[in-house]
């Protein structure tokens, strides 16, 4: 059972007491809220997507806790909203913004999600185990955060026997629908880490351009350039580069891209992406972290703090790699269409896709997808659907 749902049953009277408490350490301040759009007088504030509520309130029939949370397209947005239950507490934005949504006067929380991109990724993934992230390279706004298979938080928002059965069913599901794979699942990056190796090589002067021939290799990878090696999935080429660079330089660049950050929040907490050792294959990455790497290259090497809530735009900005390095590498990454699947410790393969698309305003958006399959084209079809939704 996922750690997300290992909670004790919370009695309704206890939640009524909690409703009078202030928010926790992750709660936003009052300047980051909007007047409620809820049409239920005295009900909860709402979580908004593109200005429209994807949550609501209805009478609960309980005098101590008069309102119960409702959800519109609950499964589509569960990885964004989290859940609020009279019996099982809250998670995700529902928990982080508890003070804003329920404790004070029911204000709204506006997300950065683009509903068309979110829906395109969700439908393209279907019931496969996977995740998708769309990240605006220039602003750090998350336009899509999708994790599948998903769950409907409305199924257990009350405290009836039916709600308890829905909770138990979700917890017992071997596919862990309540586990946010986009933010919390860190797995082997496979050949997507070649981007970090290439950036390190350019940054440390092993090669001056992505079109400089190398020496060695065989077949179509013989004397390949960085551009060609990326396009042709030349594993031996990047293994050789990694050996020449050494662990220290690779770790330094990986950490500049955000690896090793165990305190990242969007404001939902994000699992740490680790650089342990290239030689030992001790590297893990979340879909969000890979989106950050991809976005930084499109933003002249600037790494912006990703955010899921509109009022959190003023996030940290760091220089991951020099603008010159990002400029050299970006075209080669853009040209790569398919990424070879990678294995995992549990034997489950992963198909990755990372690419770019443009919004109608001309903003560059990094698109990253991971699917539990050995079919490399599967993830690429999801990013293609997201790109089409953006255009």
Protein backbone atom coordinates (compact mmCIF):
# COMPACT_ATOMS: atom_id res chain seq x y z
CA UNK A 1 0.00 0.00 0.00
CA UNK A 2 1.28 3.45 -0.91
CA UNK A 3 2.54 5.57 1.96
CA UNK A 4 0.18 8.31 0.72
CA UNK A 5 -2.82 6.46 2.10
CA UNK A 6 -1.42 4.88 5.27
CA UNK A 7 -3.57 7.04 7.55
CA UNK A 8 -5.63 6.30 10.62
CA UNK A 9 -9.35 6.75 10.38
CA UNK A 10 -10.17 10.29 11.52
CA UNK A 11 -13.47 10.65 13.34
CA UNK A 12 -15.78 13.45 12.14
CA UNK A 13 -15.81 15.13 15.55
CA UNK A 14 -11.99 15.35 15.45
CA UNK A 15 -12.07 16.98 12.01
CA UNK A 16 -14.55 19.49 13.39
CA UNK A 17 -12.02 20.43 16.04
CA UNK A 18 -9.25 20.62 13.47
CA UNK A 19 -11.36 23.01 11.40
CA UNK A 20 -10.75 25.63 14.04
CA UNK A 21 -6.95 25.31 13.90
CA UNK A 22 -4.54 27.37 11.86
CA UNK A 23 -2.68 25.96 8.85
CA UNK A 24 0.58 24.09 9.15
CA UNK A 25 4.09 25.07 8.06
CA UNK A 26 3.20 24.67 4.38
CA UNK A 27 0.08 26.83 4.56
CA UNK A 28 0.19 29.97 2.36
CA UNK A 29 -0.20 33.43 3.79
CA UNK A 30 -3.37 35.44 3.40
CA UNK A 31 -2.04 37.54 0.53
CA UNK A 32 -2.13 34.51 -1.75
CA UNK A 33 -5.88 33.89 -1.73
CA UNK A 34 -8.94 34.98 -3.68
CA UNK A 35 -12.54 35.48 -2.58
CA UNK A 36 -14.48 32.24 -2.82
CA UNK A 37 -16.24 31.31 -6.06
CA UNK A 38 -18.25 28.65 -4.23
CA UNK A 39 -22.00 28.87 -4.83
CA UNK A 40 -22.63 27.13 -1.50
CA UNK A 41 -22.95 29.81 1.16
CA UNK A 42 -20.52 29.07 3.94
CA UNK A 43 -19.01 26.12 2.07
CA UNK A 44 -15.39 25.44 1.26
CA UNK A 45 -13.34 27.61 -1.04
CA UNK A 46 -12.46 26.03 -4.37
CA UNK A 47 -9.40 24.93 -6.29
CA UNK A 48 -9.50 26.60 -9.69
CA UNK A 49 -8.22 25.54 -13.10
CA UNK A 50 -8.20 28.29 -15.71
CA UNK A 51 -10.44 30.32 -13.41
CA UNK A 52 -13.08 27.60 -13.05
CA UNK A 53 -13.64 25.51 -9.92
CA UNK A 54 -12.84 21.80 -10.14
CA UNK A 55 -14.03 21.36 -6.56
CA UNK A 56 -17.22 22.29 -4.77
CA UNK A 57 -19.21 21.84 -1.57
CA UNK A 58 -22.49 20.22 -0.63
CA UNK A 59 -24.36 19.81 2.66
CA UNK A 60 -23.01 16.82 4.57
CA UNK A 61 -26.01 16.27 6.81
CA UNK A 62 -23.72 16.55 9.82
CA UNK A 63 -24.21 19.55 12.09
CA UNK A 64 -20.64 19.55 13.33
CA UNK A 65 -19.20 19.39 9.82
CA UNK A 66 -21.95 20.88 7.64
CA UNK A 67 -20.19 20.60 4.28
CA UNK A 68 -18.66 17.82 2.21
CA UNK A 69 -16.23 18.27 -0.67
CA UNK A 70 -17.36 17.55 -4.24
CA UNK A 71 -15.18 17.23 -7.34
CA UNK A 72 -15.63 17.93 -11.04
CA UNK A 73 -13.58 15.56 -13.21
CA UNK A 74 -12.08 14.23 -9.99
CA UNK A 75 -9.84 11.60 -11.57
CA UNK A 76 -8.50 14.08 -14.14
CA UNK A 77 -7.34 16.54 -11.47
CA UNK A 78 -6.65 14.26 -8.48
CA UNK A 79 -2.88 14.61 -8.97
CA UNK A 80 -3.37 18.38 -8.69
CA UNK A 81 -6.05 18.79 -6.02
CA UNK A 82 -5.40 15.79 -3.80
CA UNK A 83 -8.43 14.88 -1.68
CA UNK A 84 -10.55 16.11 1.22
CA UNK A 85 -12.53 13.53 3.17
CA UNK A 86 -14.69 13.76 6.28
CA UNK A 87 -13.29 10.41 7.37
CA UNK A 88 -9.75 10.31 6.02
CA UNK A 89 -8.43 13.87 6.22
CA UNK A 90 -6.82 15.70 3.30
CA UNK A 91 -3.82 15.50 0.96
CA UNK A 92 -2.28 17.55 -1.85
CA UNK A 93 -3.40 21.14 -2.33
CA UNK A 94 -6.46 20.36 -0.22
CA UNK A 95 -4.14 19.79 2.74
CA UNK A 96 -1.49 22.43 2.02
CA UNK A 97 -4.11 25.17 1.58
CA UNK A 98 -6.41 23.94 4.34
CA UNK A 99 -6.44 27.31 6.09
CA UNK A 100 -7.29 29.11 2.86
CA UNK A 101 -9.98 26.69 1.71
CA UNK A 102 -11.74 25.81 4.96
CA UNK A 103 -10.46 27.31 8.18
CA UNK A 104 -10.94 31.01 7.58
CA UNK A 105 -13.69 32.03 5.16
CA UNK A 106 -13.42 29.65 2.26
CA UNK A 107 -11.17 31.44 -0.25
CA UNK A 108 -10.14 29.97 -3.60
CA UNK A 109 -6.77 28.71 -4.81
CA UNK A 110 -5.93 29.32 -8.48
CA UNK A 111 -3.67 26.74 -10.13
CA UNK A 112 -1.44 27.17 -13.19
CA UNK A 113 -2.87 24.09 -14.91
CA UNK A 114 -3.94 24.32 -18.55
CA UNK A 115 -7.09 22.15 -18.71
CA UNK A 116 -6.61 21.19 -22.35
CA UNK A 117 -3.04 20.00 -21.83
CA UNK A 118 -3.98 18.16 -18.63
CA UNK A 119 -6.85 16.40 -20.38
CA UNK A 120 -4.78 15.51 -23.45
CA UNK A 121 -2.10 13.85 -21.32
CA UNK A 122 -4.65 12.09 -19.11
CA UNK A 123 -6.57 10.62 -22.03
CA UNK A 124 -3.44 9.62 -23.94
CA UNK A 125 -2.05 7.78 -20.90
CA UNK A 126 -5.33 6.01 -20.22
CA UNK A 127 -5.08 3.32 -17.57
CA UNK A 128 -1.34 2.74 -18.10
CA UNK A 129 0.98 3.31 -15.17
CA UNK A 130 2.58 6.59 -16.08
CA UNK A 131 3.05 10.29 -15.54
CA UNK A 132 3.15 13.48 -17.57
CA UNK A 133 4.43 16.98 -16.84
CA UNK A 134 4.19 20.20 -18.86
CA UNK A 135 6.43 22.99 -17.54
CA UNK A 136 6.62 26.53 -18.89
CA UNK A 137 10.36 27.07 -19.34
CA UNK A 138 10.24 30.83 -18.91
CA UNK A 139 7.90 31.12 -15.92
CA UNK A 140 8.18 27.77 -14.12
CA UNK A 141 4.39 27.35 -14.24
CA UNK A 142 3.20 23.75 -14.29
CA UNK A 143 0.62 23.44 -17.08
CA UNK A 144 -0.01 19.72 -16.55
CA UNK A 145 0.67 17.29 -13.70
CA UNK A 146 -0.81 13.89 -14.53
CA UNK A 147 -0.47 10.54 -12.80
CA UNK A 148 -2.19 7.37 -13.99
CA UNK A 149 -4.08 5.28 -13.19
CA UNK A 150 -5.91 7.86 -11.12
CA UNK A 151 -8.72 7.89 -8.57
CA UNK A 152 -11.83 9.96 -7.93
CA UNK A 153 -11.52 11.81 -4.59
CA UNK A 154 -15.30 12.22 -4.55
CA UNK A 155 -15.63 8.47 -3.97
CA UNK A 156 -14.53 8.80 -0.35
CA UNK A 157 -15.12 12.47 0.50
CA UNK A 158 -17.75 11.50 3.10
CA UNK A 159 -17.70 9.00 5.96
CA UNK A 160 -20.33 6.42 5.00
CA UNK A 161 -19.65 2.68 4.60
CA UNK A 162 -19.55 3.31 0.85
CA UNK A 163 -16.78 5.89 1.33
CA UNK A 164 -14.84 3.50 3.53
CA UNK A 165 -15.11 0.76 0.90
CA UNK A 166 -13.88 3.14 -1.84
CA UNK A 167 -10.92 4.11 0.35
CA UNK A 168 -10.05 0.49 1.04
CA UNK A 169 -10.30 -0.39 -2.65
CA UNK A 170 -7.98 2.45 -3.65
CA UNK A 171 -5.49 1.45 -0.95
CA UNK A 172 -5.47 -2.20 -1.99
CA UNK A 173 -5.06 -1.49 -5.71
CA UNK A 174 -1.64 -2.82 -6.78
CA UNK A 175 -1.36 0.01 -9.32
CA UNK A 176 -1.38 2.56 -6.47
CA UNK A 177 -3.75 5.12 -8.02
CA UNK A 178 -3.24 7.53 -5.09
CA UNK A 179 0.53 7.67 -5.60
CA UNK A 180 1.49 10.83 -7.52
CA UNK A 181 3.96 9.45 -10.04
CA UNK A 182 4.61 12.82 -11.67
CA UNK A 183 6.03 14.30 -8.47
CA UNK A 184 6.88 11.37 -6.23
CA UNK A 185 8.15 8.44 -8.31
CA UNK A 186 11.91 8.60 -8.91
CA UNK A 187 13.22 5.85 -11.20
CA UNK A 188 16.18 5.16 -13.48
CA UNK A 189 16.50 7.87 -16.16
CA UNK A 190 17.93 5.60 -18.83
CA UNK A 191 19.30 7.44 -21.82
CA UNK A 192 17.55 10.68 -20.85
CA UNK A 193 20.52 11.26 -18.54
CA UNK A 194 22.65 11.55 -21.69
CA UNK A 195 21.43 15.15 -21.81
CA UNK A 196 23.17 15.86 -18.49
CA UNK A 197 26.33 14.09 -19.68
CA UNK A 198 26.35 16.13 -22.88
CA UNK A 199 25.83 19.37 -20.95
CA UNK A 200 28.74 18.49 -18.65
CA UNK A 201 31.00 17.71 -21.61
CA UNK A 202 30.23 21.03 -23.30
CA UNK A 203 30.50 22.98 -20.06
CA UNK A 204 33.95 21.53 -19.28
CA UNK A 205 35.33 21.99 -22.77
CA UNK A 206 35.61 18.37 -23.91
CA UNK A 207 33.89 19.55 -27.08
CA UNK A 208 33.29 23.04 -28.40
CA UNK A 209 30.09 22.24 -30.30
CA UNK A 210 27.53 19.45 -30.62
CA UNK A 211 28.80 18.84 -34.18
CA UNK A 212 32.43 18.14 -33.41
CA UNK A 213 33.39 14.56 -34.42
CA UNK A 214 34.75 12.20 -31.81
CA UNK A 215 36.99 9.16 -32.07
CA UNK A 216 35.92 5.58 -31.54
CA UNK A 217 32.64 3.72 -31.50
CA UNK A 218 31.26 1.41 -34.15
CA UNK A 219 28.54 1.22 -36.74
CA UNK A 220 26.41 4.35 -37.04
CA UNK A 221 27.95 5.59 -33.78
CA UNK A 222 31.51 5.56 -35.11
CA UNK A 223 33.11 9.00 -34.63
CA UNK A 224 29.66 10.38 -33.82
CA UNK A 225 29.07 13.97 -32.76
CA UNK A 226 27.01 14.78 -29.66
CA UNK A 227 24.08 15.61 -31.93
CA UNK A 228 24.38 12.28 -33.76
CA UNK A 229 24.98 10.30 -30.58
CA UNK A 230 21.81 11.67 -29.02
CA UNK A 231 19.75 11.01 -32.12
CA UNK A 232 21.09 7.47 -32.54
CA UNK A 233 21.02 6.46 -28.85
CA UNK A 234 24.75 5.73 -28.76
CA UNK A 235 25.06 4.28 -25.24
CA UNK A 236 28.77 3.48 -25.55
CA UNK A 237 29.49 7.03 -26.64
CA UNK A 238 27.92 8.56 -23.52
CA UNK A 239 29.42 5.91 -21.24
CA UNK A 240 32.84 6.90 -22.59
CA UNK A 241 32.08 10.60 -22.08
CA UNK A 242 30.97 9.90 -18.51
CA UNK A 243 34.20 8.04 -17.78
CA UNK A 244 36.30 10.88 -19.21
CA UNK A 245 34.41 13.47 -17.17
CA UNK A 246 34.40 11.56 -13.90
CA UNK A 247 31.81 11.33 -11.14
CA UNK A 248 32.58 14.69 -9.54
CA UNK A 249 31.90 16.78 -12.64
CA UNK A 250 28.78 14.80 -13.51
CA UNK A 251 27.43 15.19 -9.99
CA UNK A 252 28.14 18.91 -10.03
CA UNK A 253 26.17 19.46 -13.23
CA UNK A 254 23.35 17.15 -12.13
CA UNK A 255 22.98 19.08 -8.88
CA UNK A 256 23.00 22.41 -10.74
CA UNK A 257 20.01 21.02 -12.69
CA UNK A 258 18.24 20.20 -9.41
CA UNK A 259 19.30 16.65 -8.58
CA UNK A 260 19.82 16.13 -4.86
CA UNK A 261 17.19 18.69 -3.80
CA UNK A 262 15.26 16.92 -1.04
CA UNK A 263 13.25 20.02 -0.07
CA UNK A 264 11.62 20.86 -3.41
CA UNK A 265 7.93 21.78 -3.19
CA UNK A 266 5.52 23.02 -5.88
CA UNK A 267 3.94 23.44 -3.18
CA UNK A 268 3.28 19.66 -3.05
CA UNK A 269 6.43 17.95 -1.85
CA UNK A 270 8.51 16.42 -4.64
CA UNK A 271 10.60 13.27 -4.24
CA UNK A 272 14.36 13.75 -4.44
CA UNK A 273 16.04 12.93 -7.74
CA UNK A 274 19.42 11.45 -6.83
CA UNK A 275 22.83 11.38 -8.44
CA UNK A 276 24.72 8.63 -6.63
CA UNK A 277 27.10 7.13 -9.16
CA UNK A 278 26.98 6.83 -12.92
CA UNK A 279 29.38 3.94 -12.83
CA UNK A 280 27.13 1.98 -10.47
CA UNK A 281 23.88 3.02 -12.13
CA UNK A 282 22.80 4.80 -8.95
CA UNK A 283 20.77 7.63 -10.50
CA UNK A 284 17.04 8.27 -10.13
CA UNK A 285 14.81 10.98 -11.54
CA UNK A 286 11.18 12.07 -11.28
CA UNK A 287 9.24 13.21 -14.36
CA UNK A 288 9.16 16.71 -12.84
CA UNK A 289 12.93 16.79 -12.42
CA UNK A 290 13.49 15.74 -16.01
CA UNK A 291 11.09 18.48 -17.08
CA UNK A 292 13.21 20.95 -15.11
CA UNK A 293 16.35 19.87 -17.00
CA UNK A 294 14.52 20.15 -20.31
CA UNK A 295 13.06 23.55 -19.44
CA UNK A 296 16.42 24.95 -18.30
CA UNK A 297 17.99 24.26 -21.69
CA UNK A 298 15.18 26.20 -23.37
CA UNK A 299 15.60 29.09 -20.93
CA UNK A 300 19.29 29.88 -21.55
CA UNK A 301 20.28 27.60 -18.69
CA UNK A 302 18.08 29.41 -16.15
CA UNK A 303 16.32 27.01 -13.81
CA UNK A 304 13.11 28.50 -12.43
CA UNK A 305 11.38 27.17 -9.33
CA UNK A 306 8.39 25.15 -10.60
CA UNK A 307 5.02 26.15 -9.19
CA UNK A 308 1.48 24.79 -9.34
CA UNK A 309 -0.31 27.76 -7.77
CA UNK A 310 -0.63 31.03 -9.67
CA UNK A 311 0.33 33.26 -6.75
CA UNK A 312 3.66 31.45 -6.33
CA UNK A 313 5.25 32.96 -9.46
CA UNK A 314 8.19 34.52 -7.61
CA UNK A 315 10.12 31.27 -7.21
CA UNK A 316 13.91 30.92 -7.06
CA UNK A 317 15.96 31.25 -10.24
CA UNK A 318 19.40 29.68 -10.62
CA UNK A 319 21.85 29.21 -13.49
CA UNK A 320 22.06 25.46 -14.10
CA UNK A 321 24.53 25.63 -16.99
CA UNK A 322 25.92 28.63 -18.86
CA UNK A 323 23.64 30.12 -21.50
CA UNK A 324 26.21 29.20 -24.16
CA UNK A 325 26.08 25.53 -23.15
CA UNK A 326 22.29 25.51 -23.17
CA UNK A 327 22.26 27.19 -26.57
CA UNK A 328 24.60 24.60 -28.05
CA UNK A 329 22.72 21.60 -26.67
CA UNK A 330 19.11 22.70 -27.08
CA UNK A 331 18.85 22.08 -30.87
CA UNK A 332 20.24 18.55 -30.50
CA UNK A 333 17.73 17.70 -27.76
CA UNK A 334 14.89 19.21 -29.78
CA UNK A 335 15.78 17.01 -32.76
CA UNK A 336 15.65 13.72 -30.85
CA UNK A 337 12.27 12.10 -31.43
CA UNK A 338 12.42 8.83 -29.49
CA UNK A 339 14.14 7.72 -26.31
CA UNK A 340 15.12 4.10 -25.74
CA UNK A 341 13.17 2.40 -22.92
CA UNK A 342 14.97 1.66 -19.70
CA UNK A 343 14.67 -1.08 -17.10
CA UNK A 344 13.95 -0.73 -13.39
CA UNK A 345 14.91 -2.53 -10.21
CA UNK A 346 11.54 -4.32 -10.11
CA UNK A 347 11.87 -5.45 -13.72
CA UNK A 348 9.29 -2.97 -15.05
CA UNK A 349 10.53 -1.10 -18.14
CA UNK A 350 9.92 2.62 -18.66
CA UNK A 351 9.32 4.45 -21.90
CA UNK A 352 10.40 8.11 -21.69
CA UNK A 353 9.69 11.08 -23.91
CA UNK A 354 11.00 14.60 -23.49
CA UNK A 355 10.38 17.33 -26.00
CA UNK A 356 9.25 20.95 -26.43
CA UNK A 357 6.16 22.75 -27.68
CA UNK A 358 5.00 26.35 -28.03
CA UNK A 359 1.97 28.04 -26.51
CA UNK A 360 -0.19 30.38 -28.56
CA UNK A 361 1.74 33.27 -26.95
CA UNK A 362 5.04 31.79 -28.06
CA UNK A 363 6.18 30.48 -24.67
CA UNK A 364 8.34 27.36 -24.73
CA UNK A 365 6.98 24.43 -22.71
CA UNK A 366 8.98 21.37 -21.69
CA UNK A 367 6.97 18.16 -22.04
CA UNK A 368 8.04 14.99 -20.24
CA UNK A 369 6.25 11.65 -20.05
CA UNK A 370 7.14 8.30 -18.53
CA UNK A 371 5.07 5.15 -19.12
CA UNK A 372 5.59 1.67 -17.70
CA UNK A 373 6.08 -0.08 -21.02
CA UNK A 374 8.88 -1.24 -23.29
CA UNK A 375 7.26 0.46 -26.29
CA UNK A 376 9.30 3.61 -26.87
CA UNK A 377 6.58 5.14 -29.05
CA UNK A 378 3.96 5.09 -26.29
CA UNK A 379 5.38 8.00 -24.30
CA UNK A 380 6.05 9.95 -27.49
CA UNK A 381 2.36 9.72 -28.42
CA UNK A 382 1.47 11.32 -25.09
CA UNK A 383 3.84 14.28 -25.54
CA UNK A 384 2.52 14.68 -29.09
CA UNK A 385 -1.03 14.93 -27.73
CA UNK A 386 0.10 17.51 -25.18
CA UNK A 387 1.89 19.55 -27.83
CA UNK A 388 -1.20 19.58 -30.00
CA UNK A 389 -3.30 20.79 -27.06
CA UNK A 390 -0.89 23.69 -26.53
CA UNK A 391 -0.99 24.89 -30.14
